[in-house]
Every structure is written in structure tokens, then in C-alpha cells.
Amino acid sequence: MSCLPLAAGPPVASAAPAPVRAPVAVLGVEARDLAEPVGRRLKSAVEQALGRLPGLRLLASQTLEEFKLVFGCLDEQAACMARGGRQLGAARLLWGAVVPQGDQWRVRLVWFDVATAKTTSVVEVSMPSTAELETAVRALSPALRRLLGVRVGVLVLHLPVTETDIWVDGQRRVVGAGRVFSTAELPRGSHRVEVRKRGYLPWQREAQIGADQTTELVVSLPLAEVRAAPAGD
């Protein structure tokens, strides 16, 4: 059936498609010669650190041992791991192990591509055995960026006052106690930066972060105008 020609009109701008985020199943961090809660804590740290990286979507998943039991995998045989990953709807699998090393934990992480059934990268990182969750997240973040090949830049803010509230991409990062704030957690690209402090007008900018580069911004915070209360009768 032939189609009738459409009348010409002004071009209509179409909305840009939402970026595709690769689904990732985190199969846990096996605690070897350590109490099992250590492995659970590090799995949570890995998931939080991955959640701060762009382009990923975390799937609900089981531990590595549960995964191998469900899909009948012997060790981490590649074809079986890939088959299980496909059934989970994952594009990537990530798993690891942690062992004691003196007063440190030694963590080994494996990044597995489901489509090619290959381990694409492996990374190891050490952290203090006393590390709480947020400390573990900070220790794992650089290792995960190397594992995934994510290159980041450094943002430095020069602040006019202390005790400022700093937000990046809608997430509260820190209360800046000093006059300089620095973060290396930002992937390259445009990032919305906001600085707030009670009694001052908020400061907002789009910061362009380059890979392996330092971007410095000088923050200005004008005093908010204080309006006198109306006089009573």
C-alpha cells in the first residue's frame, strides 16, 4: 500500500535517546581465611563504588558460589559463566576474593564480558583491615576505574569561606571545612557543581572535566540580602 506524502513543515527536534547503561551483576567478594561479614561488606563497597561510575546499571544477583551452583559451573569456566550471565540479563559480571595480608586486606577483582565469554581485566588493591564501608568504597574506586577503563579528572574548588556544602551532579559530596576542595571521583565530561552556605547566595557552574586533567574553579558566594521585618503598628 502506497503512503500519502506528508506536508512539509518545520523540522521537529527529537529528544536525545537516554544513554544505554550496561547491566552488571556483582557476584560478591569471597572472604578467604576471613569472617564472612568481611566479604559482604566488601560486596556492598564494590556496589557503591560502581554506582558512582557512569554507564552502569547494577542487577540484583547472588554470590559467586550461588551463581555456579544454579548454573552448574565448575570453577569459573568461561562458557558456563557467560551462559549464566546471559540468563541473568547481564552484559558484565564482576566477582572477587579477599585474603588477609598482615594488617591489610588484599582484594582481587575480576571483570568478565558476557558477550565474548572472556575475562577482560583483573585488578588487585590493598586496604586496612580496619576499613569501614566508606573507607572501603574510597579504596576500591580507583581500582574499579582501572578495571573498567574509566578515565577521570580532578576538580579543585577554591572557596571564599569555610564550612560550605558542596554538591556535584545533584549529589551532596562533602561539607568543605577548608578553603580548597578537591575530588578525583569525576569522569570526563560536563558536571553540575553547586556550593551552598547559609546566609550566602548559592553558586552554580557547569564544570568541564577532562580525562587525566585538573580543572580549577574559583567560587564566589555573595551575601544573601537580609530583609528587615516590617515594623508593627
C-alpha atoms as a PDB file:
ATOM      1  CA  MET A   1       0.000   0.000   0.000  1.00  0.00           C
ATOM      2  CA  SER A   2       1.381   3.362  -1.008  1.00  0.00           C
ATOM      3  CA  CYS A   3       1.826   6.065   1.578  1.00  0.00           C
ATOM      4  CA  LEU A   4       0.487   9.567   1.116  1.00  0.00           C
ATOM      5  CA  PRO A   5       3.173  12.247   1.075  1.00  0.00           C
ATOM      6  CA  LEU A   6       3.402  14.288   4.229  1.00  0.00           C
ATOM      7  CA  ALA A   7       3.053  18.038   4.074  1.00  0.00           C
ATOM      8  CA  ALA A   8       6.313  19.862   4.564  1.00  0.00           C
ATOM      9  CA  GLY A   9       6.678  21.656   7.855  1.00  0.00           C
ATOM     10  CA  PRO A  10       9.264  22.990  10.208  1.00  0.00           C
ATOM     11  CA  PRO A  11      11.726  20.407  11.471  1.00  0.00           C
ATOM     12  CA  VAL A  12      10.829  18.979  14.836  1.00  0.00           C
ATOM     13  CA  ALA A  13      13.667  18.407  17.270  1.00  0.00           C
ATOM     14  CA  SER A  14      13.552  14.898  18.636  1.00  0.00           C
ATOM     15  CA  ALA A  15      14.576  14.167  22.181  1.00  0.00           C
ATOM     16  CA  ALA A  16      18.015  12.648  22.519  1.00  0.00           C
ATOM     17  CA  PRO A  17      17.838   8.969  23.437  1.00  0.00           C
ATOM     18  CA  ALA A  18      18.710   8.137  27.011  1.00  0.00           C
ATOM     19  CA  PRO A  19      22.215   6.717  27.300  1.00  0.00           C
ATOM     20  CA  VAL A  20      22.324   2.946  27.454  1.00  0.00           C
ATOM     21  CA  ARG A  21      23.694   1.678  30.741  1.00  0.00           C
ATOM     22  CA  ALA A  22      25.395  -1.707  30.710  1.00  0.00           C
ATOM     23  CA  PRO A  23      23.747  -4.176  33.123  1.00  0.00           C
ATOM     24  CA  VAL A  24      26.295  -5.565  35.588  1.00  0.00           C
ATOM     25  CA  ALA A  25      25.868  -8.470  38.007  1.00  0.00           C
ATOM     26  CA  VAL A  26      28.151  -8.279  41.051  1.00  0.00           C
ATOM     27  CA  LEU A  27      28.729 -11.846  42.238  1.00  0.00           C
ATOM     28  CA  GLY A  28      30.283 -10.888  45.523  1.00  0.00           C
ATOM     29  CA  VAL A  29      33.708 -10.894  47.128  1.00  0.00           C
ATOM     30  CA  GLU A  30      34.658 -14.258  48.621  1.00  0.00           C
ATOM     31  CA  ALA A  31      36.262 -13.979  52.073  1.00  0.00           C
ATOM     32  CA  ARG A  32      39.135 -16.469  52.289  1.00  0.00           C
ATOM     33  CA  ASP A  33      40.540 -17.100  55.774  1.00  0.00           C
ATOM     34  CA  LEU A  34      38.348 -14.237  56.968  1.00  0.00           C
ATOM     35  CA  ALA A  35      34.926 -13.957  58.566  1.00  0.00           C
ATOM     36  CA  GLU A  36      32.069 -13.957  56.044  1.00  0.00           C
ATOM     37  CA  PRO A  37      30.837 -10.459  57.076  1.00  0.00           C
ATOM     38  CA  VAL A  38      34.072  -9.094  55.559  1.00  0.00           C
ATOM     39  CA  GLY A  39      33.034 -10.418  52.156  1.00  0.00           C
ATOM     40  CA  ARG A  40      29.532  -8.979  52.499  1.00  0.00           C
ATOM     41  CA  ARG A  41      30.937  -5.588  53.493  1.00  0.00           C
ATOM     42  CA  LEU A  42      33.277  -5.539  50.505  1.00  0.00           C
ATOM     43  CA  LYS A  43      30.481  -6.597  48.136  1.00  0.00           C
ATOM     44  CA  SER A  44      28.475  -3.603  49.374  1.00  0.00           C
ATOM     45  CA  ALA A  45      31.545  -1.393  48.910  1.00  0.00           C
ATOM     46  CA  VAL A  46      32.028  -2.648  45.337  1.00  0.00           C
ATOM     47  CA  GLU A  47      28.372  -1.973  44.505  1.00  0.00           C
ATOM     48  CA  GLN A  48      28.522   1.533  45.965  1.00  0.00           C
ATOM     49  CA  ALA A  49      31.757   2.320  44.117  1.00  0.00           C
ATOM     50  CA  LEU A  50      30.310   1.000  40.837  1.00  0.00           C
ATOM     51  CA  GLY A  51      27.175   3.052  41.413  1.00  0.00           C
ATOM     52  CA  ARG A  52      29.314   6.206  41.306  1.00  0.00           C
ATOM     53  CA  LEU A  53      30.665   5.365  37.849  1.00  0.00           C
ATOM     54  CA  PRO A  54      28.823   6.350  34.657  1.00  0.00           C
ATOM     55  CA  GLY A  55      27.181   3.966  32.206  1.00  0.00           C
ATOM     56  CA  LEU A  56      26.440   1.040  34.539  1.00  0.00           C
ATOM     57  CA  ARG A  57      23.234  -0.493  35.874  1.00  0.00           C
ATOM     58  CA  LEU A  58      23.564  -2.938  38.759  1.00  0.00           C
ATOM     59  CA  LEU A  59      21.416  -6.066  38.707  1.00  0.00           C
ATOM     60  CA  ALA A  60      20.188  -7.984  41.721  1.00  0.00           C
ATOM     61  CA  SER A  61      22.406 -11.050  41.849  1.00  0.00           C
ATOM     62  CA  GLN A  62      23.652 -13.858  44.038  1.00  0.00           C
ATOM     63  CA  THR A  63      27.113 -14.746  45.307  1.00  0.00           C
ATOM     64  CA  LEU A  64      29.653 -16.432  43.055  1.00  0.00           C
ATOM     65  CA  GLU A  65      29.105 -19.798  44.761  1.00  0.00           C
ATOM     66  CA  GLU A  66      25.329 -19.493  44.388  1.00  0.00           C
ATOM     67  CA  PHE A  67      25.766 -18.486  40.737  1.00  0.00           C
ATOM     68  CA  LYS A  68      27.953 -21.529  39.997  1.00  0.00           C
ATOM     69  CA  LEU A  69      25.536 -23.836  41.823  1.00  0.00           C
ATOM     70  CA  VAL A  70      22.474 -22.524  39.968  1.00  0.00           C
ATOM     71  CA  PHE A  71      24.092 -22.678  36.523  1.00  0.00           C
ATOM     72  CA  GLY A  72      26.208 -25.785  37.117  1.00  0.00           C
ATOM     73  CA  CYS A  73      29.572 -24.094  36.596  1.00  0.00           C
ATOM     74  CA  LEU A  74      32.800 -25.810  37.636  1.00  0.00           C
ATOM     75  CA  ASP A  75      35.168 -23.183  38.987  1.00  0.00           C
ATOM     76  CA  GLU A  76      34.797 -20.091  36.759  1.00  0.00           C
ATOM     77  CA  GLN A  77      34.662 -21.899  33.414  1.00  0.00           C
ATOM     78  CA  ALA A  78      34.169 -19.149  30.833  1.00  0.00           C
ATOM     79  CA  ALA A  79      31.402 -20.647  28.673  1.00  0.00           C
ATOM     80  CA  CYS A  80      29.307 -21.511  31.715  1.00  0.00           C
ATOM     81  CA  MET A  81      29.827 -18.087  33.322  1.00  0.00           C
ATOM     82  CA  ALA A  82      28.752 -16.453  30.061  1.00  0.00           C
ATOM     83  CA  ARG A  83      25.657 -18.652  29.795  1.00  0.00           C
ATOM     84  CA  GLY A  84      24.655 -17.791  33.356  1.00  0.00           C
ATOM     85  CA  GLY A  85      25.318 -14.113  32.733  1.00  0.00           C
ATOM     86  CA  ARG A  86      23.035 -14.131  29.692  1.00  0.00           C
ATOM     87  CA  GLN A  87      20.255 -15.744  31.714  1.00  0.00           C
ATOM     88  CA  LEU A  88      20.640 -13.017  34.325  1.00  0.00           C
ATOM     89  CA  GLY A  89      20.414 -10.371  31.591  1.00  0.00           C
ATOM     90  CA  ALA A  90      23.915  -9.118  32.388  1.00  0.00           C
ATOM     91  CA  ALA A  91      26.412  -7.664  29.936  1.00  0.00           C
ATOM     92  CA  ARG A  92      29.215  -7.906  32.500  1.00  0.00           C
ATOM     93  CA  LEU A  93      29.967  -9.976  35.580  1.00  0.00           C
ATOM     94  CA  LEU A  94      32.178  -8.851  38.421  1.00  0.00           C
ATOM     95  CA  TRP A  95      33.433 -11.017  41.231  1.00  0.00           C
ATOM     96  CA  GLY A  96      36.396 -11.197  43.530  1.00  0.00           C
ATOM     97  CA  ALA A  97      38.089 -12.516  46.631  1.00  0.00           C
ATOM     98  CA  VAL A  98      39.699 -11.007  49.710  1.00  0.00           C
ATOM     99  CA  VAL A  99      42.522 -12.526  51.758  1.00  0.00           C
ATOM    100  CA  PRO A 100      44.336 -11.277  54.860  1.00  0.00           C
ATOM    101  CA  GLN A 101      47.830  -9.886  54.325  1.00  0.00           C
ATOM    102  CA  GLY A 102      49.338  -8.742  57.615  1.00  0.00           C
ATOM    103  CA  ASP A 103      47.240  -5.837  58.856  1.00  0.00           C
ATOM    104  CA  GLN A 104      45.815  -5.365  55.333  1.00  0.00           C
ATOM    105  CA  TRP A 105      43.144  -6.946  53.189  1.00  0.00           C
ATOM    106  CA  ARG A 106      44.187  -7.913  49.685  1.00  0.00           C
ATOM    107  CA  VAL A 107      41.245  -7.724  47.276  1.00  0.00           C
ATOM    108  CA  ARG A 108      41.299  -9.235  43.779  1.00  0.00           C
ATOM    109  CA  LEU A 109      38.513  -8.289  41.344  1.00  0.00           C
ATOM    110  CA  VAL A 110      37.648  -9.903  38.000  1.00  0.00           C
ATOM    111  CA  TRP A 111      35.741  -8.120  35.183  1.00  0.00           C
ATOM    112  CA  PHE A 112      34.081 -10.602  32.795  1.00  0.00           C
ATOM    113  CA  ASP A 113      32.474  -9.821  29.424  1.00  0.00           C
ATOM    114  CA  VAL A 114      29.409 -11.999  28.852  1.00  0.00           C
ATOM    115  CA  ALA A 115      29.199 -11.497  25.060  1.00  0.00           C
ATOM    116  CA  THR A 116      32.760 -12.676  24.402  1.00  0.00           C
ATOM    117  CA  ALA A 117      32.923 -15.102  27.359  1.00  0.00           C
ATOM    118  CA  LYS A 118      36.276 -13.616  28.342  1.00  0.00           C
ATOM    119  CA  THR A 119      37.842 -12.022  31.386  1.00  0.00           C
ATOM    120  CA  THR A 120      38.727  -8.557  30.136  1.00  0.00           C
ATOM    121  CA  SER A 121      40.678  -7.312  33.153  1.00  0.00           C
ATOM    122  CA  VAL A 122      41.800  -8.170  36.670  1.00  0.00           C
ATOM    123  CA  VAL A 123      42.870  -5.733  39.371  1.00  0.00           C
ATOM    124  CA  GLU A 124      44.184  -6.041  42.917  1.00  0.00           C
ATOM    125  CA  VAL A 125      44.013  -3.497  45.725  1.00  0.00           C
ATOM    126  CA  SER A 126      45.037  -3.395  49.383  1.00  0.00           C
ATOM    127  CA  MET A 127      43.225  -1.627  52.206  1.00  0.00           C
ATOM    128  CA  PRO A 128      43.497  -1.533  56.002  1.00  0.00           C
ATOM    129  CA  SER A 129      41.824  -4.483  57.708  1.00  0.00           C
ATOM    130  CA  THR A 130      40.019  -1.951  59.900  1.00  0.00           C
ATOM    131  CA  ALA A 131      38.354  -0.310  56.881  1.00  0.00           C
ATOM    132  CA  GLU A 132      34.721   0.609  57.381  1.00  0.00           C
ATOM    133  CA  LEU A 133      32.301   0.729  54.452  1.00  0.00           C
ATOM    134  CA  GLU A 134      33.013   4.265  53.180  1.00  0.00           C
ATOM    135  CA  THR A 135      36.781   3.753  53.570  1.00  0.00           C
ATOM    136  CA  ALA A 136      36.489   0.565  51.520  1.00  0.00           C
ATOM    137  CA  VAL A 137      34.469   2.396  48.847  1.00  0.00           C
ATOM    138  CA  ARG A 138      37.177   5.060  48.542  1.00  0.00           C
ATOM    139  CA  ALA A 139      39.912   2.410  48.378  1.00  0.00           C
ATOM    140  CA  LEU A 140      38.096   0.378  45.723  1.00  0.00           C
ATOM    141  CA  SER A 141      37.019   3.277  43.478  1.00  0.00           C
ATOM    142  CA  PRO A 142      40.407   3.850  41.741  1.00  0.00           C
ATOM    143  CA  ALA A 143      40.842   0.095  41.257  1.00  0.00           C
ATOM    144  CA  LEU A 144      37.403  -0.231  39.697  1.00  0.00           C
ATOM    145  CA  ARG A 145      38.086   2.685  37.375  1.00  0.00           C
ATOM    146  CA  ARG A 146      41.249   0.912  36.197  1.00  0.00           C
ATOM    147  CA  LEU A 147      39.321  -2.342  35.877  1.00  0.00           C
ATOM    148  CA  LEU A 148      36.657  -0.734  33.692  1.00  0.00           C
ATOM    149  CA  GLY A 149      38.998   1.615  31.840  1.00  0.00           C
ATOM    150  CA  VAL A 150      37.194   4.718  33.142  1.00  0.00           C
ATOM    151  CA  ARG A 151      39.463   7.765  32.979  1.00  0.00           C
ATOM    152  CA  VAL A 152      38.732  10.564  35.379  1.00  0.00           C
ATOM    153  CA  GLY A 153      39.735  14.131  36.036  1.00  0.00           C
ATOM    154  CA  VAL A 154      40.295  16.178  39.154  1.00  0.00           C
ATOM    155  CA  LEU A 155      38.061  19.066  40.190  1.00  0.00           C
ATOM    156  CA  VAL A 156      39.509  21.695  42.525  1.00  0.00           C
ATOM    157  CA  LEU A 157      37.298  24.390  44.037  1.00  0.00           C
ATOM    158  CA  HIS A 158      38.809  27.487  45.639  1.00  0.00           C
ATOM    159  CA  LEU A 159      36.271  28.602  48.237  1.00  0.00           C
ATOM    160  CA  PRO A 160      35.899  32.101  49.724  1.00  0.00           C
ATOM    161  CA  VAL A 161      34.658  30.798  53.083  1.00  0.00           C
ATOM    162  CA  THR A 162      34.834  27.629  55.151  1.00  0.00           C
ATOM    163  CA  GLU A 163      32.077  25.170  56.092  1.00  0.00           C
ATOM    164  CA  THR A 164      30.457  25.133  52.652  1.00  0.00           C
ATOM    165  CA  ASP A 165      28.059  22.481  51.384  1.00  0.00           C
ATOM    166  CA  ILE A 166      29.278  21.058  48.042  1.00  0.00           C
ATOM    167  CA  TRP A 167      27.049  19.241  45.543  1.00  0.00           C
ATOM    168  CA  VAL A 168      28.153  17.569  42.293  1.00  0.00           C
ATOM    169  CA  ASP A 169      25.575  16.314  39.782  1.00  0.00           C
ATOM    170  CA  GLY A 170      22.844  16.586  42.396  1.00  0.00           C
ATOM    171  CA  GLN A 171      24.707  14.530  44.999  1.00  0.00           C
ATOM    172  CA  ARG A 172      25.994  16.056  48.204  1.00  0.00           C
ATOM    173  CA  ARG A 173      29.722  15.374  48.304  1.00  0.00           C
ATOM    174  CA  VAL A 174      31.024  16.994  51.448  1.00  0.00           C
ATOM    175  CA  VAL A 175      30.912  19.928  53.786  1.00  0.00           C
ATOM    176  CA  GLY A 176      34.118  21.733  52.875  1.00  0.00           C
ATOM    177  CA  ALA A 177      35.834  22.586  56.144  1.00  0.00           C
ATOM    178  CA  GLY A 178      38.659  24.490  54.443  1.00  0.00           C
ATOM    179  CA  ARG A 179      39.073  26.933  51.581  1.00  0.00           C
ATOM    180  CA  VAL A 180      40.057  24.317  48.969  1.00  0.00           C
ATOM    181  CA  PHE A 181      38.027  21.278  47.916  1.00  0.00           C
ATOM    182  CA  SER A 182      39.404  18.583  45.603  1.00  0.00           C
ATOM    183  CA  THR A 183      37.889  15.398  44.217  1.00  0.00           C
ATOM    184  CA  ALA A 184      39.215  12.774  41.785  1.00  0.00           C
ATOM    185  CA  GLU A 185      35.900  10.945  41.500  1.00  0.00           C
ATOM    186  CA  LEU A 186      34.641  12.640  38.326  1.00  0.00           C
ATOM    187  CA  PRO A 187      34.686  11.009  34.877  1.00  0.00           C
ATOM    188  CA  ARG A 188      35.379  13.251  31.909  1.00  0.00           C
ATOM    189  CA  GLY A 189      32.508  15.364  30.654  1.00  0.00           C
ATOM    190  CA  SER A 190      30.203  18.057  31.983  1.00  0.00           C
ATOM    191  CA  HIS A 191      29.297  18.085  35.675  1.00  0.00           C
ATOM    192  CA  ARG A 192      26.922  20.365  37.560  1.00  0.00           C
ATOM    193  CA  VAL A 193      28.637  21.860  40.612  1.00  0.00           C
ATOM    194  CA  GLU A 194      26.849  23.778  43.354  1.00  0.00           C
ATOM    195  CA  VAL A 195      28.217  25.365  46.529  1.00  0.00           C
ATOM    196  CA  ARG A 196      25.886  26.438  49.310  1.00  0.00           C
ATOM    197  CA  LYS A 197      26.266  28.138  52.670  1.00  0.00           C
ATOM    198  CA  ARG A 198      23.659  29.578  54.975  1.00  0.00           C
ATOM    199  CA  GLY A 199      23.498  33.350  54.622  1.00  0.00           C
ATOM    200  CA  TYR A 200      25.011  33.340  51.113  1.00  0.00           C
ATOM    201  CA  LEU A 201      23.576  33.061  47.618  1.00  0.00           C
ATOM    202  CA  PRO A 202      24.279  29.623  46.071  1.00  0.00           C
ATOM    203  CA  TRP A 203      26.986  29.306  43.402  1.00  0.00           C
ATOM    204  CA  GLN A 204      26.382  27.052  40.376  1.00  0.00           C
ATOM    205  CA  ARG A 205      28.528  26.143  37.385  1.00  0.00           C
ATOM    206  CA  GLU A 206      28.870  23.515  34.669  1.00  0.00           C
ATOM    207  CA  ALA A 207      32.395  22.163  35.092  1.00  0.00           C
ATOM    208  CA  GLN A 208      34.045  20.577  32.045  1.00  0.00           C
ATOM    209  CA  ILE A 209      36.233  17.754  33.344  1.00  0.00           C
ATOM    210  CA  GLY A 210      38.944  16.367  31.089  1.00  0.00           C
ATOM    211  CA  ALA A 211      40.443  12.905  31.468  1.00  0.00           C
ATOM    212  CA  ASP A 212      43.705  12.954  33.435  1.00  0.00           C
ATOM    213  CA  GLN A 213      43.409  16.738  33.826  1.00  0.00           C
ATOM    214  CA  THR A 214      42.839  19.106  36.737  1.00  0.00           C
ATOM    215  CA  THR A 215      40.044  21.680  36.441  1.00  0.00           C
ATOM    216  CA  GLU A 216      40.224  24.561  38.927  1.00  0.00           C
ATOM    217  CA  LEU A 217      37.295  26.877  39.633  1.00  0.00           C
ATOM    218  CA  VAL A 218      37.156  29.960  41.849  1.00  0.00           C
ATOM    219  CA  VAL A 219      33.893  30.105  43.783  1.00  0.00           C
ATOM    220  CA  SER A 220      32.172  33.383  44.659  1.00  0.00           C
ATOM    221  CA  LEU A 221      29.433  33.449  47.296  1.00  0.00           C
ATOM    222  CA  PRO A 222      27.705  36.849  47.601  1.00  0.00           C
ATOM    223  CA  LEU A 223      25.994  37.537  50.887  1.00  0.00           C
ATOM    224  CA  ALA A 224      22.258  36.981  50.751  1.00  0.00           C
ATOM    225  CA  GLU A 225      20.191  40.108  51.110  1.00  0.00           C
ATOM    226  CA  VAL A 226      18.602  40.252  54.541  1.00  0.00           C
ATOM    227  CA  ARG A 227      15.247  41.983  54.548  1.00  0.00           C
ATOM    228  CA  ALA A 228      14.168  43.748  57.688  1.00  0.00           C
ATOM    229  CA  ALA A 229      10.905  42.585  59.188  1.00  0.00           C
ATOM    230  CA  PRO A 230       8.055  45.070  58.650  1.00  0.00           C
ATOM    231  CA  ALA A 231       7.533  47.389  61.583  1.00  0.00           C
ATOM    232  CA  GLY A 232       4.494  46.632  63.690  1.00  0.00           C
ATOM    233  CA  ASP A 233       1.629  49.023  64.141  1.00  0.00           C
END
